[in-house]
Amino acid sequence: MISFFEKILNGQATDLQLSTAILVALFILLIVLFFALKPNNKKVKKRINRIVNTTHNTNIADKSLISIRRQTESSGSLKLDKIIQKLTPQPELLRDKMQKAGLQPNLGRFLFIIIAITILSFGILQLVTDYPIMISILFALIIGLIIPHLGLYFLKIRRHKKFLALFPDAIDLMVRALKSGLPITEAIKNSGEEIANPVGIELTTVTDGVKIGGKLPDELIKAQSRIGLQEFNFFTVALSIQTETGGNLAETLANLSDILRKRKQMQLKVKAMSSEAKASAYIIGSLPFIMFILIYFLNRPYAVELLTDPRGQFAIGVGLFMIVLGCGIMYKMVKFEI
């Protein structure tokens, strides 16, 4: 073991030994960060429970503050979040993306995911390619930064689709509750209890905010910032205007539900009309990869030459750029705003 470290320090280690040492060092750094910056929630919970048990004469407001403090202290890696907030150029934008994806805005957990993906990518690149150490580290950093953000994007798209599929039904439940004589806050609460997530949890959060003293328009604006959907913005504007001017809210929400369903029908119609162009884009974009895989299995040395030769690597880069550019143009051609 001593000779191994001496080889690394003297510059006599092979690329495999050097990459293994870097992987081990990164894993040790990851473990140290996790245990050093992880808050000790057990001590916090014991201290808060001791305060609650010893203060029997505490008023309701103080007990509420203690309860809020308990939830805040046990919510995540607070120390790590502070460090990441200093290192990240736009931490609030990243938190906003995580909320729209339906995740807790925990920057520390997001950092651990980036580090883990970077280490895994570096190990795979060292095993399957002959790139130098610095090139592999550069590519691993790029992969580690891109994949988590792509994951947030796809989670946001999936959450939005599920929200739009359930939101008209939630509005219909509110209309029935309003026609039966319930106030709007109770109607929203009933819809939140009956409709599945993510609609249910957002509506429940709105009514909980109203219960602790918030105004309904303000809570709806906060929910809109968490969701980021134009359809929910319609709902927010309708309730805000009705709160200020009055009117038949049940009829307004019924019209809004009908509009949302018609928008959904129009989107499905556009999707059906553009399906042929999308299928052509998928086929044309996947043909180069399919042909390379076939050539690789039929004549491996001929295909490997494209990866090892600098001219082949340059051709791969140009080809990937042209494929991405063409797919982007075709996506814009079949994308319609409704």
C-alpha atoms as a PDB file:
ATOM      1  CA  MET A   1       0.000   0.000   0.000  1.00  0.00           C
ATOM      2  CA  ILE A   2       2.895   2.360   0.807  1.00  0.00           C
ATOM      3  CA  SER A   3       4.555   1.625  -2.522  1.00  0.00           C
ATOM      4  CA  PHE A   4       1.264   2.324  -4.293  1.00  0.00           C
ATOM      5  CA  PHE A   5       1.038   5.822  -2.761  1.00  0.00           C
ATOM      6  CA  GLU A   6       4.723   6.381  -3.489  1.00  0.00           C
ATOM      7  CA  LYS A   7       4.121   5.575  -7.149  1.00  0.00           C
ATOM      8  CA  ILE A   8       1.258   8.074  -7.262  1.00  0.00           C
ATOM      9  CA  LEU A   9       3.331  10.798  -5.628  1.00  0.00           C
ATOM     10  CA  ASN A  10       6.311  10.114  -7.880  1.00  0.00           C
ATOM     11  CA  GLY A  11       4.185  10.049 -11.019  1.00  0.00           C
ATOM     12  CA  GLN A  12       4.970   6.356 -11.742  1.00  0.00           C
ATOM     13  CA  ALA A  13       1.423   4.991 -11.364  1.00  0.00           C
ATOM     14  CA  THR A  14      -0.533   3.758 -14.356  1.00  0.00           C
ATOM     15  CA  ASP A  15      -3.732   5.420 -15.536  1.00  0.00           C
ATOM     16  CA  LEU A  16      -5.823   2.631 -14.003  1.00  0.00           C
ATOM     17  CA  GLN A  17      -4.110   2.989 -10.627  1.00  0.00           C
ATOM     18  CA  LEU A  18      -4.443   6.766 -10.745  1.00  0.00           C
ATOM     19  CA  SER A  19      -8.117   6.608 -11.675  1.00  0.00           C
ATOM     20  CA  THR A  20      -8.758   4.097  -8.886  1.00  0.00           C
ATOM     21  CA  ALA A  21      -7.073   6.407  -6.387  1.00  0.00           C
ATOM     22  CA  ILE A  22      -9.174   9.347  -7.585  1.00  0.00           C
ATOM     23  CA  LEU A  23     -12.377   7.301  -7.273  1.00  0.00           C
ATOM     24  CA  VAL A  24     -11.486   6.226  -3.730  1.00  0.00           C
ATOM     25  CA  ALA A  25     -10.651   9.812  -2.755  1.00  0.00           C
ATOM     26  CA  LEU A  26     -13.957  11.090  -4.170  1.00  0.00           C
ATOM     27  CA  PHE A  27     -15.943   8.437  -2.311  1.00  0.00           C
ATOM     28  CA  ILE A  28     -14.148   9.277   0.946  1.00  0.00           C
ATOM     29  CA  LEU A  29     -14.873  12.982   0.354  1.00  0.00           C
ATOM     30  CA  LEU A  30     -18.527  12.203  -0.278  1.00  0.00           C
ATOM     31  CA  ILE A  31     -18.814  10.182   2.936  1.00  0.00           C
ATOM     32  CA  VAL A  32     -17.037  12.871   4.961  1.00  0.00           C
ATOM     33  CA  LEU A  33     -19.350  15.568   3.598  1.00  0.00           C
ATOM     34  CA  PHE A  34     -22.416  13.459   4.367  1.00  0.00           C
ATOM     35  CA  PHE A  35     -21.510  12.748   7.990  1.00  0.00           C
ATOM     36  CA  ALA A  36     -19.895  16.093   8.721  1.00  0.00           C
ATOM     37  CA  LEU A  37     -22.681  18.270   7.391  1.00  0.00           C
ATOM     38  CA  LYS A  38     -25.667  16.097   8.262  1.00  0.00           C
ATOM     39  CA  PRO A  39     -27.676  17.706  11.059  1.00  0.00           C
ATOM     40  CA  ASN A  40     -28.054  15.680  14.231  1.00  0.00           C
ATOM     41  CA  ASN A  41     -31.834  15.408  14.187  1.00  0.00           C
ATOM     42  CA  LYS A  42     -31.939  13.080  17.217  1.00  0.00           C
ATOM     43  CA  LYS A  43     -30.407  15.716  19.505  1.00  0.00           C
ATOM     44  CA  VAL A  44     -32.702  18.391  18.091  1.00  0.00           C
ATOM     45  CA  LYS A  45     -35.810  16.248  18.623  1.00  0.00           C
ATOM     46  CA  LYS A  46     -34.782  15.350  22.198  1.00  0.00           C
ATOM     47  CA  ARG A  47     -34.175  19.010  23.043  1.00  0.00           C
ATOM     48  CA  ILE A  48     -37.513  20.152  21.597  1.00  0.00           C
ATOM     49  CA  ASN A  49     -39.424  17.322  23.304  1.00  0.00           C
ATOM     50  CA  ARG A  50     -37.770  18.236  26.616  1.00  0.00           C
ATOM     51  CA  ILE A  51     -38.845  21.872  26.173  1.00  0.00           C
ATOM     52  CA  VAL A  52     -42.405  20.836  25.308  1.00  0.00           C
ATOM     53  CA  ASN A  53     -42.670  18.479  28.278  1.00  0.00           C
ATOM     54  CA  THR A  54     -41.272  20.998  30.775  1.00  0.00           C
ATOM     55  CA  THR A  55     -43.458  23.933  29.647  1.00  0.00           C
ATOM     56  CA  HIS A  56     -46.958  22.810  30.572  1.00  0.00           C
ATOM     57  CA  ASN A  57     -48.149  26.383  31.023  1.00  0.00           C
ATOM     58  CA  THR A  58     -47.007  27.518  27.607  1.00  0.00           C
ATOM     59  CA  ASN A  59     -49.699  29.285  25.588  1.00  0.00           C
ATOM     60  CA  ILE A  60     -50.972  28.090  22.232  1.00  0.00           C
ATOM     61  CA  ALA A  61     -48.889  30.538  20.175  1.00  0.00           C
ATOM     62  CA  ASP A  62     -45.625  29.390  21.790  1.00  0.00           C
ATOM     63  CA  LYS A  63     -46.560  25.728  21.292  1.00  0.00           C
ATOM     64  CA  SER A  64     -47.265  26.451  17.631  1.00  0.00           C
ATOM     65  CA  LEU A  65     -43.822  28.041  17.287  1.00  0.00           C
ATOM     66  CA  ILE A  66     -42.224  25.005  18.922  1.00  0.00           C
ATOM     67  CA  SER A  67     -44.102  22.700  16.523  1.00  0.00           C
ATOM     68  CA  ILE A  68     -42.985  24.744  13.540  1.00  0.00           C
ATOM     69  CA  ARG A  69     -39.417  24.677  14.880  1.00  0.00           C
ATOM     70  CA  ARG A  70     -39.578  20.874  15.152  1.00  0.00           C
ATOM     71  CA  GLN A  71     -40.627  20.535  11.519  1.00  0.00           C
ATOM     72  CA  THR A  72     -38.012  23.025  10.364  1.00  0.00           C
ATOM     73  CA  GLU A  73     -35.077  21.430  12.181  1.00  0.00           C
ATOM     74  CA  SER A  74     -35.902  17.913  10.968  1.00  0.00           C
ATOM     75  CA  SER A  75     -36.636  18.850   7.372  1.00  0.00           C
ATOM     76  CA  GLY A  76     -33.195  18.244   5.827  1.00  0.00           C
ATOM     77  CA  SER A  77     -29.553  19.122   5.627  1.00  0.00           C
ATOM     78  CA  LEU A  78     -29.742  22.763   6.683  1.00  0.00           C
ATOM     79  CA  LYS A  79     -26.005  23.315   7.086  1.00  0.00           C
ATOM     80  CA  LEU A  80     -25.301  21.835   3.690  1.00  0.00           C
ATOM     81  CA  ASP A  81     -28.046  23.944   2.139  1.00  0.00           C
ATOM     82  CA  LYS A  82     -26.341  27.082   3.435  1.00  0.00           C
ATOM     83  CA  ILE A  83     -23.044  26.028   1.901  1.00  0.00           C
ATOM     84  CA  ILE A  84     -24.651  25.159  -1.443  1.00  0.00           C
ATOM     85  CA  GLN A  85     -26.531  28.452  -1.418  1.00  0.00           C
ATOM     86  CA  LYS A  86     -23.183  30.244  -1.334  1.00  0.00           C
ATOM     87  CA  LEU A  87     -21.698  28.071  -4.076  1.00  0.00           C
ATOM     88  CA  THR A  88     -24.706  27.991  -6.420  1.00  0.00           C
ATOM     89  CA  PRO A  89     -25.148  31.060  -8.644  1.00  0.00           C
ATOM     90  CA  GLN A  90     -28.974  30.916  -8.497  1.00  0.00           C
ATOM     91  CA  PRO A  91     -30.079  28.712  -5.573  1.00  0.00           C
ATOM     92  CA  GLU A  92     -33.646  30.034  -5.596  1.00  0.00           C
ATOM     93  CA  LEU A  93     -34.047  29.069  -9.254  1.00  0.00           C
ATOM     94  CA  LEU A  94     -32.849  25.548  -8.455  1.00  0.00           C
ATOM     95  CA  ARG A  95     -35.260  25.320  -5.516  1.00  0.00           C
ATOM     96  CA  ASP A  96     -38.059  26.496  -7.793  1.00  0.00           C
ATOM     97  CA  LYS A  97     -37.250  23.738 -10.298  1.00  0.00           C
ATOM     98  CA  MET A  98     -37.280  21.123  -7.545  1.00  0.00           C
ATOM     99  CA  GLN A  99     -40.648  22.341  -6.251  1.00  0.00           C
ATOM    100  CA  LYS A 100     -42.159  22.249  -9.729  1.00  0.00           C
ATOM    101  CA  ALA A 101     -40.889  18.687 -10.061  1.00  0.00           C
ATOM    102  CA  GLY A 102     -42.688  17.728  -6.848  1.00  0.00           C
ATOM    103  CA  LEU A 103     -39.508  17.334  -4.761  1.00  0.00           C
ATOM    104  CA  GLN A 104     -38.405  18.886  -1.513  1.00  0.00           C
ATOM    105  CA  PRO A 105     -36.101  21.854  -2.276  1.00  0.00           C
ATOM    106  CA  ASN A 106     -33.114  20.223  -0.583  1.00  0.00           C
ATOM    107  CA  LEU A 107     -29.949  21.509  -2.243  1.00  0.00           C
ATOM    108  CA  GLY A 108     -27.720  19.226  -0.179  1.00  0.00           C
ATOM    109  CA  ARG A 109     -29.403  16.095  -1.497  1.00  0.00           C
ATOM    110  CA  PHE A 110     -29.160  17.476  -5.019  1.00  0.00           C
ATOM    111  CA  LEU A 111     -25.402  17.997  -4.530  1.00  0.00           C
ATOM    112  CA  PHE A 112     -24.931  14.398  -3.374  1.00  0.00           C
ATOM    113  CA  ILE A 113     -26.757  13.162  -6.481  1.00  0.00           C
ATOM    114  CA  ILE A 114     -24.492  15.260  -8.713  1.00  0.00           C
ATOM    115  CA  ILE A 115     -21.348  13.963  -6.963  1.00  0.00           C
ATOM    116  CA  ALA A 116     -22.523  10.339  -7.141  1.00  0.00           C
ATOM    117  CA  ILE A 117     -23.359  10.564 -10.853  1.00  0.00           C
ATOM    118  CA  THR A 118     -20.036  12.301 -11.542  1.00  0.00           C
ATOM    119  CA  ILE A 119     -18.057   9.567  -9.760  1.00  0.00           C
ATOM    120  CA  LEU A 120     -20.004   6.804 -11.507  1.00  0.00           C
ATOM    121  CA  SER A 121     -19.534   8.454 -14.907  1.00  0.00           C
ATOM    122  CA  PHE A 122     -15.809   8.858 -14.291  1.00  0.00           C
ATOM    123  CA  GLY A 123     -15.459   5.180 -13.389  1.00  0.00           C
ATOM    124  CA  ILE A 124     -17.377   4.052 -16.489  1.00  0.00           C
ATOM    125  CA  LEU A 125     -15.355   6.335 -18.763  1.00  0.00           C
ATOM    126  CA  GLN A 126     -12.095   4.977 -17.338  1.00  0.00           C
ATOM    127  CA  LEU A 127     -13.233   1.392 -17.871  1.00  0.00           C
ATOM    128  CA  VAL A 128     -14.655   1.631 -21.398  1.00  0.00           C
ATOM    129  CA  THR A 129     -12.493   4.364 -22.970  1.00  0.00           C
ATOM    130  CA  ASP A 130      -8.823   5.257 -23.281  1.00  0.00           C
ATOM    131  CA  TYR A 131      -9.278   8.963 -22.575  1.00  0.00           C
ATOM    132  CA  PRO A 132      -6.725  10.728 -20.340  1.00  0.00           C
ATOM    133  CA  ILE A 133      -7.622  11.381 -16.717  1.00  0.00           C
ATOM    134  CA  MET A 134      -8.371  15.077 -17.165  1.00  0.00           C
ATOM    135  CA  ILE A 135     -10.613  14.476 -20.197  1.00  0.00           C
ATOM    136  CA  SER A 136     -12.553  11.804 -18.297  1.00  0.00           C
ATOM    137  CA  ILE A 137     -12.967  14.142 -15.312  1.00  0.00           C
ATOM    138  CA  LEU A 138     -14.244  16.898 -17.619  1.00  0.00           C
ATOM    139  CA  PHE A 139     -16.773  14.613 -19.302  1.00  0.00           C
ATOM    140  CA  ALA A 140     -17.832  13.175 -15.929  1.00  0.00           C
ATOM    141  CA  LEU A 141     -18.475  16.670 -14.566  1.00  0.00           C
ATOM    142  CA  ILE A 142     -20.566  17.541 -17.621  1.00  0.00           C
ATOM    143  CA  ILE A 143     -22.590  14.338 -17.274  1.00  0.00           C
ATOM    144  CA  GLY A 144     -22.989  14.846 -13.526  1.00  0.00           C
ATOM    145  CA  LEU A 145     -24.391  18.339 -14.061  1.00  0.00           C
ATOM    146  CA  ILE A 146     -26.662  17.542 -17.015  1.00  0.00           C
ATOM    147  CA  ILE A 147     -28.363  14.325 -15.876  1.00  0.00           C
ATOM    148  CA  PRO A 148     -29.860  15.681 -12.591  1.00  0.00           C
ATOM    149  CA  HIS A 149     -31.264  18.744 -14.371  1.00  0.00           C
ATOM    150  CA  LEU A 150     -32.733  16.542 -17.100  1.00  0.00           C
ATOM    151  CA  GLY A 151     -34.273  14.404 -14.365  1.00  0.00           C
ATOM    152  CA  LEU A 152     -35.874  17.496 -12.815  1.00  0.00           C
ATOM    153  CA  TYR A 153     -37.242  18.505 -16.219  1.00  0.00           C
ATOM    154  CA  PHE A 154     -38.842  15.120 -16.904  1.00  0.00           C
ATOM    155  CA  LEU A 155     -40.265  14.941 -13.375  1.00  0.00           C
ATOM    156  CA  LYS A 156     -41.787  18.393 -13.853  1.00  0.00           C
ATOM    157  CA  ILE A 157     -43.345  17.385 -17.187  1.00  0.00           C
ATOM    158  CA  ARG A 158     -44.796  14.200 -15.661  1.00  0.00           C
ATOM    159  CA  ARG A 159     -46.191  16.103 -12.675  1.00  0.00           C
ATOM    160  CA  HIS A 160     -47.770  18.737 -14.916  1.00  0.00           C
ATOM    161  CA  LYS A 161     -49.462  16.090 -17.058  1.00  0.00           C
ATOM    162  CA  LYS A 162     -50.881  14.363 -13.995  1.00  0.00           C
ATOM    163  CA  PHE A 163     -51.995  17.694 -12.536  1.00  0.00           C
ATOM    164  CA  LEU A 164     -53.806  18.716 -15.746  1.00  0.00           C
ATOM    165  CA  ALA A 165     -55.538  15.347 -15.942  1.00  0.00           C
ATOM    166  CA  LEU A 166     -57.014  15.735 -12.421  1.00  0.00           C
ATOM    167  CA  PHE A 167     -57.521  19.488 -12.125  1.00  0.00           C
ATOM    168  CA  PRO A 168     -60.841  19.767 -14.078  1.00  0.00           C
ATOM    169  CA  ASP A 169     -62.362  17.067 -11.849  1.00  0.00           C
ATOM    170  CA  ALA A 170     -61.231  19.024  -8.769  1.00  0.00           C
ATOM    171  CA  ILE A 171     -62.919  22.171 -10.112  1.00  0.00           C
ATOM    172  CA  ASP A 172     -66.140  20.205 -10.742  1.00  0.00           C
ATOM    173  CA  LEU A 173     -66.102  19.077  -7.090  1.00  0.00           C
ATOM    174  CA  MET A 174     -65.695  22.710  -6.017  1.00  0.00           C
ATOM    175  CA  VAL A 175     -68.676  23.714  -8.182  1.00  0.00           C
ATOM    176  CA  ARG A 176     -70.878  21.048  -6.575  1.00  0.00           C
ATOM    177  CA  ALA A 177     -69.761  22.113  -3.093  1.00  0.00           C
ATOM    178  CA  LEU A 178     -70.479  25.788  -3.847  1.00  0.00           C
ATOM    179  CA  LYS A 179     -73.935  24.963  -5.203  1.00  0.00           C
ATOM    180  CA  SER A 180     -74.675  23.056  -2.002  1.00  0.00           C
ATOM    181  CA  GLY A 181     -73.918  26.184   0.053  1.00  0.00           C
ATOM    182  CA  LEU A 182     -70.344  25.635   1.255  1.00  0.00           C
ATOM    183  CA  PRO A 183     -67.826  28.525   1.256  1.00  0.00           C
ATOM    184  CA  ILE A 184     -64.985  28.483  -1.226  1.00  0.00           C
ATOM    185  CA  THR A 185     -62.342  27.481   1.339  1.00  0.00           C
ATOM    186  CA  GLU A 186     -64.364  24.436   2.382  1.00  0.00           C
ATOM    187  CA  ALA A 187     -64.966  23.592  -1.279  1.00  0.00           C
ATOM    188  CA  ILE A 188     -61.222  23.696  -1.965  1.00  0.00           C
ATOM    189  CA  LYS A 189     -60.566  21.601   1.155  1.00  0.00           C
ATOM    190  CA  ASN A 190     -63.066  18.926   0.086  1.00  0.00           C
ATOM    191  CA  SER A 191     -61.542  18.788  -3.392  1.00  0.00           C
ATOM    192  CA  GLY A 192     -58.076  18.418  -1.891  1.00  0.00           C
ATOM    193  CA  GLU A 193     -59.244  15.487   0.219  1.00  0.00           C
ATOM    194  CA  GLU A 194     -61.037  13.721  -2.637  1.00  0.00           C
ATOM    195  CA  ILE A 195     -58.633  14.256  -5.554  1.00  0.00           C
ATOM    196  CA  ALA A 196     -55.347  12.377  -5.794  1.00  0.00           C
ATOM    197  CA  ASN A 197     -51.937  14.031  -5.733  1.00  0.00           C
ATOM    198  CA  PRO A 198     -50.455  16.318  -6.953  1.00  0.00           C
ATOM    199  CA  VAL A 199     -53.738  18.284  -7.096  1.00  0.00           C
ATOM    200  CA  GLY A 200     -54.866  17.121  -3.676  1.00  0.00           C
ATOM    201  CA  ILE A 201     -51.724  18.083  -1.797  1.00  0.00           C
ATOM    202  CA  GLU A 202     -51.563  21.533  -3.425  1.00  0.00           C
ATOM    203  CA  LEU A 203     -55.193  22.343  -2.613  1.00  0.00           C
ATOM    204  CA  THR A 204     -54.703  21.065   0.938  1.00  0.00           C
ATOM    205  CA  THR A 205     -51.641  23.285   1.307  1.00  0.00           C
ATOM    206  CA  VAL A 206     -53.711  26.281   0.180  1.00  0.00           C
ATOM    207  CA  THR A 207     -56.454  25.644   2.757  1.00  0.00           C
ATOM    208  CA  ASP A 208     -53.877  25.016   5.503  1.00  0.00           C
ATOM    209  CA  GLY A 209     -52.338  28.389   4.736  1.00  0.00           C
ATOM    210  CA  VAL A 210     -55.748  30.048   5.005  1.00  0.00           C
ATOM    211  CA  LYS A 211     -56.364  28.346   8.358  1.00  0.00           C
ATOM    212  CA  ILE A 212     -53.251  29.838   9.933  1.00  0.00           C
ATOM    213  CA  GLY A 213     -54.188  33.364   8.885  1.00  0.00           C
ATOM    214  CA  GLY A 214     -53.235  33.716   5.229  1.00  0.00           C
ATOM    215  CA  LYS A 215     -55.475  35.217   2.586  1.00  0.00           C
ATOM    216  CA  LEU A 216     -56.862  32.976  -0.123  1.00  0.00           C
ATOM    217  CA  PRO A 217     -55.468  34.998  -3.103  1.00  0.00           C
ATOM    218  CA  ASP A 218     -52.010  35.070  -1.517  1.00  0.00           C
ATOM    219  CA  GLU A 219     -52.019  31.327  -0.872  1.00  0.00           C
ATOM    220  CA  LEU A 220     -53.149  30.680  -4.444  1.00  0.00           C
ATOM    221  CA  ILE A 221     -50.284  32.823  -5.771  1.00  0.00           C
ATOM    222  CA  LYS A 222     -47.835  30.785  -3.668  1.00  0.00           C
ATOM    223  CA  ALA A 223     -49.320  27.578  -5.061  1.00  0.00           C
ATOM    224  CA  GLN A 224     -48.989  28.965  -8.585  1.00  0.00           C
ATOM    225  CA  SER A 225     -45.287  29.612  -7.993  1.00  0.00           C
ATOM    226  CA  ARG A 226     -44.884  25.992  -6.822  1.00  0.00           C
ATOM    227  CA  ILE A 227     -46.841  24.499  -9.733  1.00  0.00           C
ATOM    228  CA  GLY A 228     -46.016  26.805 -12.637  1.00  0.00           C
ATOM    229  CA  LEU A 229     -49.008  25.961 -14.834  1.00  0.00           C
ATOM    230  CA  GLN A 230     -51.032  28.422 -16.899  1.00  0.00           C
ATOM    231  CA  GLU A 231     -54.228  26.495 -16.198  1.00  0.00           C
ATOM    232  CA  PHE A 232     -53.826  26.941 -12.441  1.00  0.00           C
ATOM    233  CA  ASN A 233     -53.116  30.615 -13.061  1.00  0.00           C
ATOM    234  CA  PHE A 234     -56.578  30.873 -14.667  1.00  0.00           C
ATOM    235  CA  PHE A 235     -58.041  29.417 -11.480  1.00  0.00           C
ATOM    236  CA  THR A 236     -56.045  31.838  -9.310  1.00  0.00           C
ATOM    237  CA  VAL A 237     -57.138  34.879 -11.327  1.00  0.00           C
ATOM    238  CA  ALA A 238     -60.783  33.791 -11.303  1.00  0.00           C
ATOM    239  CA  LEU A 239     -60.867  33.393  -7.511  1.00  0.00           C
ATOM    240  CA  SER A 240     -58.930  36.625  -6.936  1.00  0.00           C
ATOM    241  CA  ILE A 241     -61.341  38.637  -9.090  1.00  0.00           C
ATOM    242  CA  GLN A 242     -64.367  37.016  -7.460  1.00  0.00           C
ATOM    243  CA  THR A 243     -62.972  37.796  -3.990  1.00  0.00           C
ATOM    244  CA  GLU A 244     -62.713  41.491  -4.871  1.00  0.00           C
ATOM    245  CA  THR A 245     -65.802  42.009  -7.062  1.00  0.00           C
ATOM    246  CA  GLY A 246     -68.185  39.179  -6.141  1.00  0.00           C
ATOM    247  CA  GLY A 247     -70.411  37.274  -8.546  1.00  0.00           C
ATOM    248  CA  ASN A 248     -71.548  33.739  -9.239  1.00  0.00           C
ATOM    249  CA  LEU A 249     -68.383  31.795  -8.432  1.00  0.00           C
ATOM    250  CA  ALA A 250     -69.926  28.400  -9.180  1.00  0.00           C
ATOM    251  CA  GLU A 251     -70.770  29.444 -12.736  1.00  0.00           C
ATOM    252  CA  THR A 252     -67.310  30.963 -13.215  1.00  0.00           C
ATOM    253  CA  LEU A 253     -65.571  27.786 -12.087  1.00  0.00           C
ATOM    254  CA  ALA A 254     -67.880  25.644 -14.226  1.00  0.00           C
ATOM    255  CA  ASN A 255     -66.914  27.695 -17.283  1.00  0.00           C
ATOM    256  CA  LEU A 256     -63.251  27.389 -16.325  1.00  0.00           C
ATOM    257  CA  SER A 257     -63.536  23.601 -16.067  1.00  0.00           C
ATOM    258  CA  ASP A 258     -65.168  23.478 -19.508  1.00  0.00           C
ATOM    259  CA  ILE A 259     -62.369  25.638 -20.964  1.00  0.00           C
ATOM    260  CA  LEU A 260     -59.678  23.402 -19.466  1.00  0.00           C
ATOM    261  CA  ARG A 261     -61.294  20.283 -20.907  1.00  0.00           C
ATOM    262  CA  LYS A 262     -61.543  21.891 -24.351  1.00  0.00           C
ATOM    263  CA  ARG A 263     -57.880  22.937 -24.161  1.00  0.00           C
ATOM    264  CA  LYS A 264     -56.978  19.350 -23.346  1.00  0.00           C
ATOM    265  CA  GLN A 265     -59.019  18.086 -26.300  1.00  0.00           C
ATOM    266  CA  MET A 266     -57.315  20.576 -28.621  1.00  0.00           C
ATOM    267  CA  GLN A 267     -53.884  19.498 -27.365  1.00  0.00           C
ATOM    268  CA  LEU A 268     -54.719  15.856 -28.053  1.00  0.00           C
ATOM    269  CA  LYS A 269     -55.943  16.798 -31.539  1.00  0.00           C
ATOM    270  CA  VAL A 270     -52.712  18.672 -32.284  1.00  0.00           C
ATOM    271  CA  LYS A 271     -50.720  15.727 -30.951  1.00  0.00           C
ATOM    272  CA  ALA A 272     -52.570  13.347 -33.277  1.00  0.00           C
ATOM    273  CA  MET A 273     -52.062  15.635 -36.297  1.00  0.00           C
ATOM    274  CA  SER A 274     -48.330  16.020 -35.614  1.00  0.00           C
ATOM    275  CA  SER A 275     -47.683  12.368 -34.760  1.00  0.00           C
ATOM    276  CA  GLU A 276     -46.508  11.569 -38.310  1.00  0.00           C
ATOM    277  CA  ALA A 277     -43.866  14.304 -38.256  1.00  0.00           C
ATOM    278  CA  LYS A 278     -42.728  13.224 -34.774  1.00  0.00           C
ATOM    279  CA  ALA A 279     -42.434   9.594 -35.885  1.00  0.00           C
ATOM    280  CA  SER A 280     -40.313  10.695 -38.857  1.00  0.00           C
ATOM    281  CA  ALA A 281     -38.066  12.696 -36.514  1.00  0.00           C
ATOM    282  CA  TYR A 282     -37.630   9.714 -34.183  1.00  0.00           C
ATOM    283  CA  ILE A 283     -36.761   7.379 -37.069  1.00  0.00           C
ATOM    284  CA  ILE A 284     -34.330   9.782 -38.736  1.00  0.00           C
ATOM    285  CA  GLY A 285     -32.674  10.650 -35.422  1.00  0.00           C
ATOM    286  CA  SER A 286     -32.216   7.020 -34.368  1.00  0.00           C
ATOM    287  CA  LEU A 287     -30.951   5.648 -37.716  1.00  0.00           C
ATOM    288  CA  PRO A 288     -27.287   6.683 -37.214  1.00  0.00           C
ATOM    289  CA  PHE A 289     -27.134   4.990 -33.809  1.00  0.00           C
ATOM    290  CA  ILE A 290     -28.851   1.834 -35.066  1.00  0.00           C
ATOM    291  CA  MET A 291     -26.499   1.579 -38.052  1.00  0.00           C
ATOM    292  CA  PHE A 292     -23.441   2.077 -35.851  1.00  0.00           C
ATOM    293  CA  ILE A 293     -24.566  -0.721 -33.505  1.00  0.00           C
ATOM    294  CA  LEU A 294     -25.142  -3.056 -36.466  1.00  0.00           C
ATOM    295  CA  ILE A 295     -21.745  -2.239 -37.981  1.00  0.00           C
ATOM    296  CA  TYR A 296     -20.118  -2.690 -34.547  1.00  0.00           C
ATOM    297  CA  PHE A 297     -21.436  -6.251 -34.258  1.00  0.00           C
ATOM    298  CA  LEU A 298     -20.707  -7.117 -37.902  1.00  0.00           C
ATOM    299  CA  ASN A 299     -17.253  -5.533 -38.201  1.00  0.00           C
ATOM    300  CA  ARG A 300     -15.967  -4.413 -34.837  1.00  0.00           C
ATOM    301  CA  PRO A 301     -12.486  -3.122 -35.867  1.00  0.00           C
ATOM    302  CA  TYR A 302     -14.078  -0.989 -38.582  1.00  0.00           C
ATOM    303  CA  ALA A 303     -16.502   0.597 -36.084  1.00  0.00           C
ATOM    304  CA  VAL A 304     -13.926   1.039 -33.313  1.00  0.00           C
ATOM    305  CA  GLU A 305     -11.726   2.984 -35.732  1.00  0.00           C
ATOM    306  CA  LEU A 306     -14.366   5.716 -35.752  1.00  0.00           C
ATOM    307  CA  LEU A 307     -14.064   6.075 -31.966  1.00  0.00           C
ATOM    308  CA  THR A 308     -10.289   5.926 -31.672  1.00  0.00           C
ATOM    309  CA  ASP A 309      -9.205   8.004 -34.669  1.00  0.00           C
ATOM    310  CA  PRO A 310      -9.250  11.807 -34.052  1.00  0.00           C
ATOM    311  CA  ARG A 311     -10.910  12.376 -37.419  1.00  0.00           C
ATOM    312  CA  GLY A 312     -13.641   9.928 -36.506  1.00  0.00           C
ATOM    313  CA  GLN A 313     -14.173  11.625 -33.149  1.00  0.00           C
ATOM    314  CA  PHE A 314     -14.466  14.976 -34.904  1.00  0.00           C
ATOM    315  CA  ALA A 315     -16.981  13.463 -37.342  1.00  0.00           C
ATOM    316  CA  ILE A 316     -18.988  12.048 -34.407  1.00  0.00           C
ATOM    317  CA  GLY A 317     -19.101  15.477 -32.764  1.00  0.00           C
ATOM    318  CA  VAL A 318     -20.269  17.177 -35.961  1.00  0.00           C
ATOM    319  CA  GLY A 319     -22.833  14.448 -36.586  1.00  0.00           C
ATOM    320  CA  LEU A 320     -24.281  14.642 -33.071  1.00  0.00           C
ATOM    321  CA  PHE A 321     -24.500  18.423 -33.352  1.00  0.00           C
ATOM    322  CA  MET A 322     -26.362  18.160 -36.670  1.00  0.00           C
ATOM    323  CA  ILE A 323     -28.727  15.526 -35.254  1.00  0.00           C
ATOM    324  CA  VAL A 324     -29.540  17.689 -32.231  1.00  0.00           C
ATOM    325  CA  LEU A 325     -30.028  20.739 -34.458  1.00  0.00           C
ATOM    326  CA  GLY A 326     -32.316  18.867 -36.848  1.00  0.00           C
ATOM    327  CA  CYS A 327     -34.382  17.349 -34.042  1.00  0.00           C
ATOM    328  CA  GLY A 328     -34.728  20.794 -32.454  1.00  0.00           C
ATOM    329  CA  ILE A 329     -35.961  22.309 -35.723  1.00  0.00           C
ATOM    330  CA  MET A 330     -38.477  19.508 -36.255  1.00  0.00           C
ATOM    331  CA  TYR A 331     -39.646  19.859 -32.644  1.00  0.00           C
ATOM    332  CA  LYS A 332     -40.296  23.568 -33.187  1.00  0.00           C
ATOM    333  CA  MET A 333     -42.214  22.790 -36.367  1.00  0.00           C
ATOM    334  CA  VAL A 334     -44.654  20.441 -34.617  1.00  0.00           C
ATOM    335  CA  LYS A 335     -44.902  22.454 -31.343  1.00  0.00           C
ATOM    336  CA  PHE A 336     -48.036  24.574 -31.047  1.00  0.00           C
ATOM    337  CA  GLU A 337     -49.057  26.878 -28.218  1.00  0.00           C
ATOM    338  CA  ILE A 338     -52.722  26.506 -27.251  1.00  0.00           C
END
